[in-house]
């Protein structure tokens, strides 16, 4: 996490954040130090004193544009205490976790849909080829095997995902056996 503020006591607040979230918290006292830190490495979260945000004609502040994948969190350090900052950071991290989960589910659903479409195409082309009278018996057998394997793969895609037994054991959850 990067905290960009020139307010007195920033180091103490950074130490509280580091302990609270078990993260390394770097501090930068001004815009130049903050920008240098952002260009040097990536961060999960960037907390910026809103007094340091300068809108520009180029579409936003240079600090926000260089935050990369970090969650930008603007806060007024002059009126907010460390307790409020902890709550805001916690909220931002929860939002990020939720958004990542939603995005991962969307990607998985999209990939599953694409795979179903490809498998359907594979089965269709295998069936069409089987209907060709010029297909030899040896080739017909191979096409039936391709069609059967693609059908089994489609069946696996249609089943809901399950956690492997090893993951259940690690989490203290007894494995579920479906009969």
N, C-alpha and C. Protein backbone atom coordinates (compact mmCIF):
# COMPACT_ATOMS: atom_id res chain seq x y z
N UNK A 1 0.85 -1.16 0.00
CA UNK A 1 0.00 0.00 0.00
C UNK A 1 0.90 1.23 0.00
N UNK A 2 0.45 2.26 -0.69
CA UNK A 2 1.18 3.53 -0.72
C UNK A 2 0.27 4.61 -0.16
N UNK A 3 0.78 5.39 0.77
CA UNK A 3 0.03 6.50 1.36
C UNK A 3 0.77 7.78 1.01
N UNK A 4 0.07 8.67 0.27
CA UNK A 4 0.69 9.92 -0.16
C UNK A 4 0.03 11.07 0.59
N UNK A 5 0.76 11.63 1.52
CA UNK A 5 0.28 12.77 2.30
C UNK A 5 1.46 13.45 2.98
N UNK A 6 1.32 14.73 3.16
CA UNK A 6 2.35 15.49 3.85
C UNK A 6 1.95 15.81 5.28
N UNK A 7 0.87 15.25 5.76
CA UNK A 7 0.36 15.57 7.09
C UNK A 7 1.27 14.97 8.17
N UNK A 8 1.40 15.69 9.27
CA UNK A 8 2.21 15.20 10.39
C UNK A 8 1.55 13.96 10.97
N UNK A 9 2.33 12.99 11.33
CA UNK A 9 1.82 11.74 11.89
C UNK A 9 1.50 10.69 10.85
N UNK A 10 1.85 10.93 9.61
CA UNK A 10 1.56 9.97 8.54
C UNK A 10 2.26 8.63 8.80
N UNK A 11 3.47 8.68 9.32
CA UNK A 11 4.21 7.44 9.60
C UNK A 11 3.49 6.59 10.65
N UNK A 12 2.93 7.25 11.68
CA UNK A 12 2.19 6.52 12.72
C UNK A 12 0.95 5.86 12.12
N UNK A 13 0.24 6.59 11.28
CA UNK A 13 -0.95 6.04 10.64
C UNK A 13 -0.57 4.89 9.71
N UNK A 14 0.54 5.02 9.01
CA UNK A 14 1.03 3.94 8.14
C UNK A 14 1.33 2.69 8.95
N UNK A 15 1.91 2.87 10.14
CA UNK A 15 2.21 1.73 11.01
C UNK A 15 0.92 1.05 11.47
N UNK A 16 -0.12 1.83 11.77
CA UNK A 16 -1.41 1.27 12.17
C UNK A 16 -2.01 0.47 11.01
N UNK A 17 -1.96 1.04 9.81
CA UNK A 17 -2.49 0.35 8.63
C UNK A 17 -1.73 -0.95 8.36
N UNK A 18 -0.40 -0.88 8.48
CA UNK A 18 0.43 -2.06 8.23
C UNK A 18 0.06 -3.18 9.20
N UNK A 19 -0.13 -2.82 10.45
CA UNK A 19 -0.47 -3.83 11.47
C UNK A 19 -1.89 -4.35 11.25
N UNK A 20 -2.82 -3.44 10.99
CA UNK A 20 -4.23 -3.80 10.83
C UNK A 20 -4.47 -4.73 9.64
N UNK A 21 -3.78 -4.48 8.53
CA UNK A 21 -4.03 -5.23 7.31
C UNK A 21 -2.90 -6.19 6.94
N UNK A 22 -1.88 -6.26 7.79
CA UNK A 22 -0.75 -7.15 7.55
C UNK A 22 -0.16 -6.91 6.17
N UNK A 23 0.05 -5.63 5.86
CA UNK A 23 0.60 -5.23 4.56
C UNK A 23 1.76 -4.27 4.80
N UNK A 24 2.64 -4.20 3.83
CA UNK A 24 3.68 -3.18 3.86
C UNK A 24 3.04 -1.88 3.41
N UNK A 25 3.29 -0.81 4.16
CA UNK A 25 2.74 0.49 3.81
C UNK A 25 3.91 1.46 3.63
N UNK A 26 4.04 1.96 2.41
CA UNK A 26 5.05 2.98 2.13
C UNK A 26 4.38 4.34 2.22
N UNK A 27 5.16 5.35 2.59
CA UNK A 27 4.62 6.70 2.63
C UNK A 27 5.41 7.59 1.68
N UNK A 28 4.71 8.58 1.16
CA UNK A 28 5.33 9.60 0.33
C UNK A 28 4.79 10.93 0.82
N UNK A 29 5.68 11.90 1.01
CA UNK A 29 5.28 13.17 1.62
C UNK A 29 4.67 14.16 0.63
N UNK A 30 4.88 13.94 -0.67
CA UNK A 30 4.33 14.88 -1.64
C UNK A 30 4.08 14.17 -2.97
N UNK A 31 3.59 14.95 -3.93
CA UNK A 31 3.23 14.40 -5.24
C UNK A 31 4.43 13.77 -5.95
N UNK A 32 5.58 14.42 -5.90
CA UNK A 32 6.76 13.91 -6.61
C UNK A 32 7.21 12.57 -6.03
N UNK A 33 7.26 12.48 -4.69
CA UNK A 33 7.64 11.21 -4.06
C UNK A 33 6.61 10.13 -4.38
N UNK A 34 5.35 10.51 -4.36
CA UNK A 34 4.28 9.56 -4.66
C UNK A 34 4.38 9.04 -6.09
N UNK A 35 4.59 9.94 -7.04
CA UNK A 35 4.72 9.55 -8.43
C UNK A 35 5.94 8.66 -8.63
N UNK A 36 7.05 9.00 -7.99
CA UNK A 36 8.26 8.18 -8.08
C UNK A 36 7.99 6.77 -7.56
N UNK A 37 7.28 6.66 -6.44
CA UNK A 37 6.96 5.34 -5.87
C UNK A 37 6.05 4.55 -6.82
N UNK A 38 5.06 5.23 -7.42
CA UNK A 38 4.14 4.56 -8.35
C UNK A 38 4.86 4.08 -9.61
N UNK A 39 5.85 4.84 -10.06
CA UNK A 39 6.61 4.44 -11.24
C UNK A 39 7.61 3.34 -10.92
N UNK A 40 8.02 3.25 -9.66
CA UNK A 40 9.02 2.27 -9.23
C UNK A 40 8.41 0.87 -9.09
N UNK A 41 7.18 0.80 -8.56
CA UNK A 41 6.56 -0.51 -8.34
C UNK A 41 5.05 -0.38 -8.28
N UNK A 42 4.38 -1.52 -8.28
CA UNK A 42 2.91 -1.51 -8.23
C UNK A 42 2.45 -1.73 -6.79
N UNK A 43 1.26 -1.22 -6.52
CA UNK A 43 0.68 -1.31 -5.19
C UNK A 43 -0.73 -1.86 -5.30
N UNK A 44 -1.21 -2.41 -4.20
CA UNK A 44 -2.59 -2.89 -4.13
C UNK A 44 -3.54 -1.72 -3.96
N UNK A 45 -3.12 -0.76 -3.14
CA UNK A 45 -3.96 0.38 -2.79
C UNK A 45 -3.10 1.62 -2.71
N UNK A 46 -3.63 2.73 -3.20
CA UNK A 46 -2.93 4.01 -3.10
C UNK A 46 -3.86 4.98 -2.40
N UNK A 47 -3.46 5.40 -1.20
CA UNK A 47 -4.23 6.37 -0.42
C UNK A 47 -3.61 7.73 -0.68
N UNK A 48 -4.42 8.65 -1.22
CA UNK A 48 -3.90 9.96 -1.60
C UNK A 48 -4.65 11.04 -0.84
N UNK A 49 -3.90 11.91 -0.21
CA UNK A 49 -4.51 13.06 0.46
C UNK A 49 -5.17 13.90 -0.63
N UNK A 50 -6.47 14.17 -0.47
CA UNK A 50 -7.17 14.85 -1.56
C UNK A 50 -6.68 16.27 -1.79
N UNK A 51 -5.91 16.81 -0.86
CA UNK A 51 -5.33 18.14 -1.09
C UNK A 51 -4.20 18.07 -2.13
N UNK A 52 -3.72 16.85 -2.42
CA UNK A 52 -2.64 16.68 -3.40
C UNK A 52 -3.16 16.36 -4.80
N UNK A 53 -4.46 16.14 -4.91
CA UNK A 53 -5.05 15.82 -6.21
C UNK A 53 -5.23 17.11 -6.99
N UNK A 54 -4.69 17.12 -8.19
CA UNK A 54 -4.80 18.29 -9.07
C UNK A 54 -5.38 17.86 -10.40
N UNK A 55 -6.65 18.21 -10.64
CA UNK A 55 -7.20 17.87 -11.95
C UNK A 55 -6.47 18.64 -13.04
N UNK A 56 -6.29 17.99 -14.15
CA UNK A 56 -5.60 18.65 -15.25
C UNK A 56 -6.45 18.57 -16.51
N UNK A 57 -6.03 19.29 -17.51
CA UNK A 57 -6.74 19.27 -18.78
C UNK A 57 -6.56 17.95 -19.51
N UNK A 58 -5.62 17.14 -19.06
CA UNK A 58 -5.30 15.89 -19.74
C UNK A 58 -6.15 14.72 -19.27
N UNK A 59 -7.19 14.98 -18.50
CA UNK A 59 -8.09 13.89 -18.11
C UNK A 59 -7.83 13.33 -16.74
N UNK A 60 -7.40 14.12 -15.82
CA UNK A 60 -7.24 13.64 -14.45
C UNK A 60 -5.85 13.85 -13.92
N UNK A 61 -5.72 13.59 -12.65
CA UNK A 61 -4.46 13.79 -11.97
C UNK A 61 -3.43 12.74 -12.37
N UNK A 62 -2.19 13.16 -12.46
CA UNK A 62 -1.10 12.27 -12.86
C UNK A 62 -0.91 11.14 -11.85
N UNK A 63 -1.17 11.40 -10.57
CA UNK A 63 -1.05 10.34 -9.56
C UNK A 63 -2.07 9.24 -9.83
N UNK A 64 -3.31 9.63 -10.09
CA UNK A 64 -4.36 8.65 -10.34
C UNK A 64 -4.11 7.90 -11.64
N UNK A 65 -3.62 8.59 -12.65
CA UNK A 65 -3.34 7.93 -13.94
C UNK A 65 -2.21 6.93 -13.83
N UNK A 66 -1.31 7.12 -12.89
CA UNK A 66 -0.16 6.22 -12.74
C UNK A 66 -0.36 5.19 -11.63
N UNK A 67 -1.56 5.11 -11.08
CA UNK A 67 -1.82 4.15 -10.00
C UNK A 67 -1.87 2.72 -10.51
N UNK A 68 -1.99 2.55 -11.81
CA UNK A 68 -2.03 1.20 -12.38
C UNK A 68 -3.26 0.45 -11.90
N UNK A 69 -3.07 -0.79 -11.43
CA UNK A 69 -4.17 -1.61 -10.96
C UNK A 69 -4.51 -1.37 -9.50
N UNK A 70 -3.79 -0.46 -8.86
CA UNK A 70 -4.05 -0.17 -7.45
C UNK A 70 -5.39 0.52 -7.29
N UNK A 71 -6.03 0.25 -6.17
CA UNK A 71 -7.27 0.94 -5.84
C UNK A 71 -6.89 2.34 -5.38
N UNK A 72 -7.37 3.38 -6.06
CA UNK A 72 -7.09 4.74 -5.59
C UNK A 72 -8.12 5.12 -4.52
N UNK A 73 -7.64 5.62 -3.42
CA UNK A 73 -8.51 6.03 -2.32
C UNK A 73 -8.14 7.45 -1.95
N UNK A 74 -9.02 8.40 -2.26
CA UNK A 74 -8.79 9.80 -1.91
C UNK A 74 -9.41 10.06 -0.55
N UNK A 75 -8.66 10.70 0.32
CA UNK A 75 -9.17 11.00 1.65
C UNK A 75 -8.62 12.34 2.11
N UNK A 76 -9.42 13.06 2.85
CA UNK A 76 -9.01 14.34 3.40
C UNK A 76 -8.37 14.08 4.76
N UNK A 77 -7.06 14.04 4.80
CA UNK A 77 -6.35 13.75 6.03
C UNK A 77 -6.54 14.85 7.08
N UNK A 78 -6.86 16.07 6.65
CA UNK A 78 -7.02 17.18 7.58
C UNK A 78 -8.23 16.97 8.49
N UNK A 79 -9.26 16.28 8.01
CA UNK A 79 -10.44 16.08 8.84
C UNK A 79 -10.70 14.62 9.19
N UNK A 80 -9.90 13.70 8.66
CA UNK A 80 -10.10 12.27 8.92
C UNK A 80 -8.99 11.75 9.82
N UNK A 81 -9.38 11.00 10.80
CA UNK A 81 -8.40 10.37 11.67
C UNK A 81 -7.99 9.02 11.12
N UNK A 82 -7.07 8.40 11.83
CA UNK A 82 -6.55 7.10 11.40
C UNK A 82 -7.65 6.03 11.45
N UNK A 83 -8.56 6.16 12.42
CA UNK A 83 -9.66 5.20 12.52
C UNK A 83 -10.53 5.21 11.28
N UNK A 84 -10.83 6.41 10.78
CA UNK A 84 -11.64 6.50 9.57
C UNK A 84 -10.88 5.94 8.37
N UNK A 85 -9.58 6.22 8.33
CA UNK A 85 -8.77 5.71 7.22
C UNK A 85 -8.78 4.18 7.23
N UNK A 86 -8.68 3.58 8.41
CA UNK A 86 -8.72 2.12 8.51
C UNK A 86 -10.05 1.61 7.95
N UNK A 87 -11.16 2.24 8.31
CA UNK A 87 -12.47 1.82 7.80
C UNK A 87 -12.56 1.97 6.29
N UNK A 88 -12.04 3.08 5.77
CA UNK A 88 -12.09 3.31 4.32
C UNK A 88 -11.23 2.29 3.57
N UNK A 89 -10.06 1.99 4.11
CA UNK A 89 -9.18 1.00 3.48
C UNK A 89 -9.83 -0.38 3.51
N UNK A 90 -10.41 -0.74 4.66
CA UNK A 90 -11.08 -2.03 4.78
C UNK A 90 -12.20 -2.13 3.74
N UNK A 91 -12.99 -1.09 3.62
CA UNK A 91 -14.08 -1.07 2.65
C UNK A 91 -13.56 -1.20 1.22
N UNK A 92 -12.50 -0.47 0.89
CA UNK A 92 -11.93 -0.53 -0.45
C UNK A 92 -11.39 -1.93 -0.76
N UNK A 93 -10.74 -2.55 0.21
CA UNK A 93 -10.20 -3.90 -0.01
C UNK A 93 -11.32 -4.92 -0.17
N UNK A 94 -12.41 -4.76 0.60
CA UNK A 94 -13.56 -5.66 0.44
C UNK A 94 -14.19 -5.48 -0.93
N UNK A 95 -14.32 -4.23 -1.38
CA UNK A 95 -14.87 -3.98 -2.72
C UNK A 95 -14.00 -4.64 -3.78
N UNK A 96 -12.69 -4.52 -3.62
CA UNK A 96 -11.78 -5.10 -4.61
C UNK A 96 -11.92 -6.62 -4.64
N UNK A 97 -12.00 -7.24 -3.47
CA UNK A 97 -12.15 -8.69 -3.40
C UNK A 97 -13.45 -9.11 -4.08
N UNK A 98 -14.53 -8.38 -3.81
CA UNK A 98 -15.82 -8.70 -4.42
C UNK A 98 -15.76 -8.52 -5.94
N UNK A 99 -15.17 -7.41 -6.39
CA UNK A 99 -15.08 -7.15 -7.83
C UNK A 99 -14.23 -8.20 -8.53
N UNK A 100 -13.15 -8.64 -7.89
CA UNK A 100 -12.30 -9.67 -8.48
C UNK A 100 -13.07 -10.99 -8.59
N UNK A 101 -13.86 -11.30 -7.56
CA UNK A 101 -14.65 -12.53 -7.58
C UNK A 101 -15.69 -12.49 -8.69
N UNK A 102 -16.37 -11.35 -8.82
CA UNK A 102 -17.37 -11.20 -9.88
C UNK A 102 -16.70 -11.30 -11.26
N UNK A 103 -15.55 -10.67 -11.41
CA UNK A 103 -14.84 -10.71 -12.70
C UNK A 103 -14.37 -12.12 -13.02
N UNK A 104 -13.87 -12.84 -12.02
CA UNK A 104 -13.42 -14.21 -12.25
C UNK A 104 -14.58 -15.11 -12.67
N UNK A 105 -15.73 -14.92 -12.02
CA UNK A 105 -16.91 -15.72 -12.39
C UNK A 105 -17.36 -15.39 -13.81
N UNK A 106 -17.30 -14.12 -14.18
CA UNK A 106 -17.69 -13.72 -15.53
C UNK A 106 -16.75 -14.31 -16.57
N UNK A 107 -15.47 -14.31 -16.29
CA UNK A 107 -14.49 -14.89 -17.22
C UNK A 107 -14.72 -16.39 -17.34
N UNK A 108 -14.94 -17.06 -16.20
CA UNK A 108 -15.18 -18.50 -16.24
C UNK A 108 -16.44 -18.83 -17.03
N UNK A 109 -17.49 -18.06 -16.83
CA UNK A 109 -18.74 -18.29 -17.56
C UNK A 109 -18.55 -18.07 -19.06
N UNK A 110 -17.80 -17.04 -19.41
CA UNK A 110 -17.53 -16.76 -20.82
C UNK A 110 -16.71 -17.88 -21.46
N UNK A 111 -15.69 -18.34 -20.74
CA UNK A 111 -14.86 -19.43 -21.27
C UNK A 111 -15.67 -20.70 -21.41
N UNK A 112 -16.53 -20.97 -20.42
CA UNK A 112 -17.36 -22.17 -20.47
C UNK A 112 -18.31 -22.10 -21.67
N UNK A 113 -18.89 -20.94 -21.90
CA UNK A 113 -19.78 -20.76 -23.05
C UNK A 113 -19.02 -20.96 -24.36
N UNK A 114 -17.84 -20.37 -24.47
CA UNK A 114 -17.03 -20.53 -25.68
C UNK A 114 -16.67 -22.00 -25.91
N UNK A 115 -16.31 -22.69 -24.83
CA UNK A 115 -15.95 -24.10 -24.97
C UNK A 115 -17.16 -24.94 -25.40
N UNK A 116 -18.33 -24.64 -24.83
CA UNK A 116 -19.54 -25.35 -25.24
C UNK A 116 -19.79 -25.16 -26.74
N UNK A 117 -19.64 -23.92 -27.21
CA UNK A 117 -19.84 -23.64 -28.62
C UNK A 117 -18.86 -24.43 -29.49
N UNK A 118 -17.60 -24.48 -29.07
CA UNK A 118 -16.60 -25.22 -29.85
C UNK A 118 -16.90 -26.71 -29.85
N UNK A 119 -17.32 -27.22 -28.70
CA UNK A 119 -17.62 -28.65 -28.60
C UNK A 119 -18.84 -28.98 -29.46
N UNK A 120 -19.84 -28.10 -29.43
CA UNK A 120 -21.02 -28.32 -30.28
C UNK A 120 -20.62 -28.36 -31.74
N UNK A 121 -19.74 -27.46 -32.15
CA UNK A 121 -19.24 -27.46 -33.52
C UNK A 121 -18.49 -28.73 -33.85
N UNK A 122 -17.69 -29.19 -32.92
CA UNK A 122 -16.93 -30.42 -33.12
C UNK A 122 -17.87 -31.61 -33.30
N UNK A 123 -18.88 -31.73 -32.44
CA UNK A 123 -19.83 -32.83 -32.54
C UNK A 123 -20.59 -32.74 -33.86
N UNK A 124 -21.04 -31.53 -34.20
CA UNK A 124 -21.80 -31.34 -35.44
C UNK A 124 -20.99 -31.76 -36.66
N UNK A 125 -19.73 -31.31 -36.73
CA UNK A 125 -18.90 -31.66 -37.88
C UNK A 125 -18.57 -33.15 -37.93
N UNK A 126 -18.39 -33.75 -36.77
CA UNK A 126 -18.15 -35.20 -36.73
C UNK A 126 -19.38 -35.95 -37.22
N UNK A 127 -20.57 -35.51 -36.79
CA UNK A 127 -21.81 -36.16 -37.23
C UNK A 127 -22.04 -35.97 -38.73
N UNK A 128 -21.75 -34.77 -39.23
CA UNK A 128 -21.89 -34.53 -40.67
C UNK A 128 -20.93 -35.41 -41.47
N UNK A 129 -19.72 -35.53 -40.97
CA UNK A 129 -18.73 -36.37 -41.66
C UNK A 129 -19.16 -37.83 -41.65
N UNK A 130 -19.77 -38.25 -40.53
CA UNK A 130 -20.25 -39.64 -40.46
C UNK A 130 -21.36 -39.91 -41.48
N UNK A 131 -22.09 -38.87 -41.85
CA UNK A 131 -23.17 -39.03 -42.84
C UNK A 131 -22.67 -39.10 -44.27
N UNK A 132 -21.42 -38.86 -44.51
CA UNK A 132 -20.86 -38.90 -45.86
C UNK A 132 -20.65 -40.37 -46.26
N UNK A 133 -21.22 -40.79 -47.38
CA UNK A 133 -21.08 -42.19 -47.79
C UNK A 133 -19.64 -42.58 -48.17
N UNK A 134 -18.78 -41.59 -48.43
CA UNK A 134 -17.41 -41.90 -48.83
C UNK A 134 -16.49 -42.19 -47.62
N UNK A 135 -17.03 -42.07 -46.40
CA UNK A 135 -16.21 -42.28 -45.20
C UNK A 135 -15.96 -43.78 -45.01
N UNK A 136 -14.70 -44.13 -44.85
CA UNK A 136 -14.34 -45.53 -44.64
C UNK A 136 -14.77 -45.98 -43.24
N UNK A 137 -14.92 -47.27 -43.03
CA UNK A 137 -15.32 -47.76 -41.70
C UNK A 137 -14.31 -47.38 -40.61
N UNK A 138 -13.02 -47.36 -40.95
CA UNK A 138 -12.00 -46.99 -39.97
C UNK A 138 -12.15 -45.51 -39.57
N UNK A 139 -12.37 -44.66 -40.56
CA UNK A 139 -12.55 -43.23 -40.29
C UNK A 139 -13.85 -42.99 -39.54
N UNK A 140 -14.89 -43.74 -39.89
CA UNK A 140 -16.18 -43.61 -39.20
C UNK A 140 -16.02 -43.91 -37.72
N UNK A 141 -15.24 -44.93 -37.41
CA UNK A 141 -15.02 -45.29 -35.99
C UNK A 141 -14.30 -44.16 -35.26
N UNK A 142 -13.32 -43.59 -35.92
CA UNK A 142 -12.58 -42.47 -35.30
C UNK A 142 -13.50 -41.26 -35.11
N UNK A 143 -14.35 -40.99 -36.05
CA UNK A 143 -15.28 -39.86 -35.93
C UNK A 143 -16.28 -40.10 -34.80
N UNK A 144 -16.74 -41.36 -34.64
CA UNK A 144 -17.64 -41.67 -33.53
C UNK A 144 -16.92 -41.48 -32.19
N UNK A 145 -15.66 -41.86 -32.13
CA UNK A 145 -14.88 -41.67 -30.91
C UNK A 145 -14.75 -40.18 -30.60
N UNK A 146 -14.45 -39.37 -31.60
CA UNK A 146 -14.34 -37.92 -31.42
C UNK A 146 -15.67 -37.36 -30.93
N UNK A 147 -16.76 -37.79 -31.53
CA UNK A 147 -18.08 -37.32 -31.14
C UNK A 147 -18.40 -37.72 -29.70
N UNK A 148 -18.10 -38.96 -29.34
CA UNK A 148 -18.35 -39.43 -27.97
C UNK A 148 -17.52 -38.66 -26.95
N UNK A 149 -16.23 -38.47 -27.24
CA UNK A 149 -15.36 -37.73 -26.32
C UNK A 149 -15.83 -36.28 -26.17
N UNK A 150 -16.23 -35.67 -27.26
CA UNK A 150 -16.73 -34.29 -27.19
C UNK A 150 -18.02 -34.24 -26.37
N UNK A 151 -18.87 -35.24 -26.52
CA UNK A 151 -20.10 -35.29 -25.72
C UNK A 151 -19.80 -35.43 -24.24
N UNK A 152 -18.82 -36.26 -23.90
CA UNK A 152 -18.43 -36.41 -22.49
C UNK A 152 -17.86 -35.11 -21.94
N UNK A 153 -17.06 -34.43 -22.76
CA UNK A 153 -16.49 -33.15 -22.34
C UNK A 153 -17.61 -32.13 -22.11
N UNK A 154 -18.60 -32.10 -22.98
CA UNK A 154 -19.73 -31.19 -22.80
C UNK A 154 -20.45 -31.51 -21.49
N UNK A 155 -20.62 -32.81 -21.20
CA UNK A 155 -21.26 -33.22 -19.94
C UNK A 155 -20.50 -32.72 -18.72
N UNK A 156 -19.17 -32.77 -18.80
CA UNK A 156 -18.35 -32.27 -17.69
C UNK A 156 -18.50 -30.76 -17.54
N UNK A 157 -18.62 -30.06 -18.64
CA UNK A 157 -18.80 -28.61 -18.57
C UNK A 157 -20.15 -28.24 -17.95
N UNK A 158 -21.14 -29.10 -18.14
CA UNK A 158 -22.47 -28.81 -17.62
C UNK A 158 -22.61 -29.13 -16.14
N UNK A 159 -21.63 -29.87 -15.58
CA UNK A 159 -21.68 -30.19 -14.14
C UNK A 159 -21.18 -28.99 -13.34
N UNK A 160 -21.79 -28.74 -12.16
CA UNK A 160 -21.29 -27.64 -11.33
C UNK A 160 -19.90 -27.99 -10.80
N UNK A 161 -19.03 -26.98 -10.68
CA UNK A 161 -17.67 -27.26 -10.17
C UNK A 161 -17.74 -27.70 -8.72
N UNK A 162 -16.81 -28.55 -8.34
CA UNK A 162 -16.74 -28.99 -6.95
C UNK A 162 -15.30 -28.86 -6.46
N UNK A 163 -15.18 -28.65 -5.17
CA UNK A 163 -13.85 -28.55 -4.57
C UNK A 163 -13.26 -29.94 -4.44
N UNK A 164 -12.00 -30.11 -4.78
CA UNK A 164 -11.37 -31.41 -4.59
C UNK A 164 -11.36 -31.79 -3.11
N UNK A 165 -11.33 -33.08 -2.84
CA UNK A 165 -11.35 -33.57 -1.46
C UNK A 165 -10.21 -32.99 -0.63
N UNK A 166 -9.03 -32.76 -1.26
CA UNK A 166 -7.90 -32.20 -0.52
C UNK A 166 -8.20 -30.80 -0.02
N UNK A 167 -8.92 -30.01 -0.82
CA UNK A 167 -9.27 -28.66 -0.39
C UNK A 167 -10.28 -28.71 0.75
N UNK A 168 -11.23 -29.67 0.67
CA UNK A 168 -12.20 -29.82 1.75
C UNK A 168 -11.47 -30.15 3.05
N UNK A 169 -10.51 -31.08 2.98
CA UNK A 169 -9.79 -31.49 4.17
C UNK A 169 -9.02 -30.33 4.77
N UNK A 170 -8.39 -29.52 3.93
CA UNK A 170 -7.63 -28.36 4.41
C UNK A 170 -8.54 -27.38 5.12
N UNK A 171 -9.76 -27.25 4.63
CA UNK A 171 -10.68 -26.28 5.19
C UNK A 171 -11.49 -26.88 6.33
N UNK A 172 -11.27 -28.15 6.66
CA UNK A 172 -12.00 -28.79 7.73
C UNK A 172 -13.42 -29.14 7.33
N UNK A 173 -13.69 -29.21 6.04
CA UNK A 173 -15.02 -29.54 5.55
C UNK A 173 -15.00 -30.99 5.08
N UNK A 174 -15.93 -31.83 5.54
CA UNK A 174 -15.94 -33.19 5.06
C UNK A 174 -16.31 -33.23 3.58
N UNK A 175 -15.66 -34.08 2.79
CA UNK A 175 -15.98 -34.14 1.36
C UNK A 175 -17.39 -34.69 1.16
N UNK A 176 -18.03 -34.20 0.12
CA UNK A 176 -19.37 -34.65 -0.24
C UNK A 176 -19.22 -35.68 -1.35
N UNK A 177 -19.82 -36.82 -1.16
CA UNK A 177 -19.77 -37.87 -2.18
C UNK A 177 -21.15 -37.97 -2.80
N UNK A 178 -21.22 -37.78 -4.09
CA UNK A 178 -22.48 -37.86 -4.81
C UNK A 178 -22.58 -39.25 -5.43
N UNK A 179 -23.67 -39.91 -5.15
CA UNK A 179 -23.87 -41.27 -5.63
C UNK A 179 -24.86 -41.28 -6.77
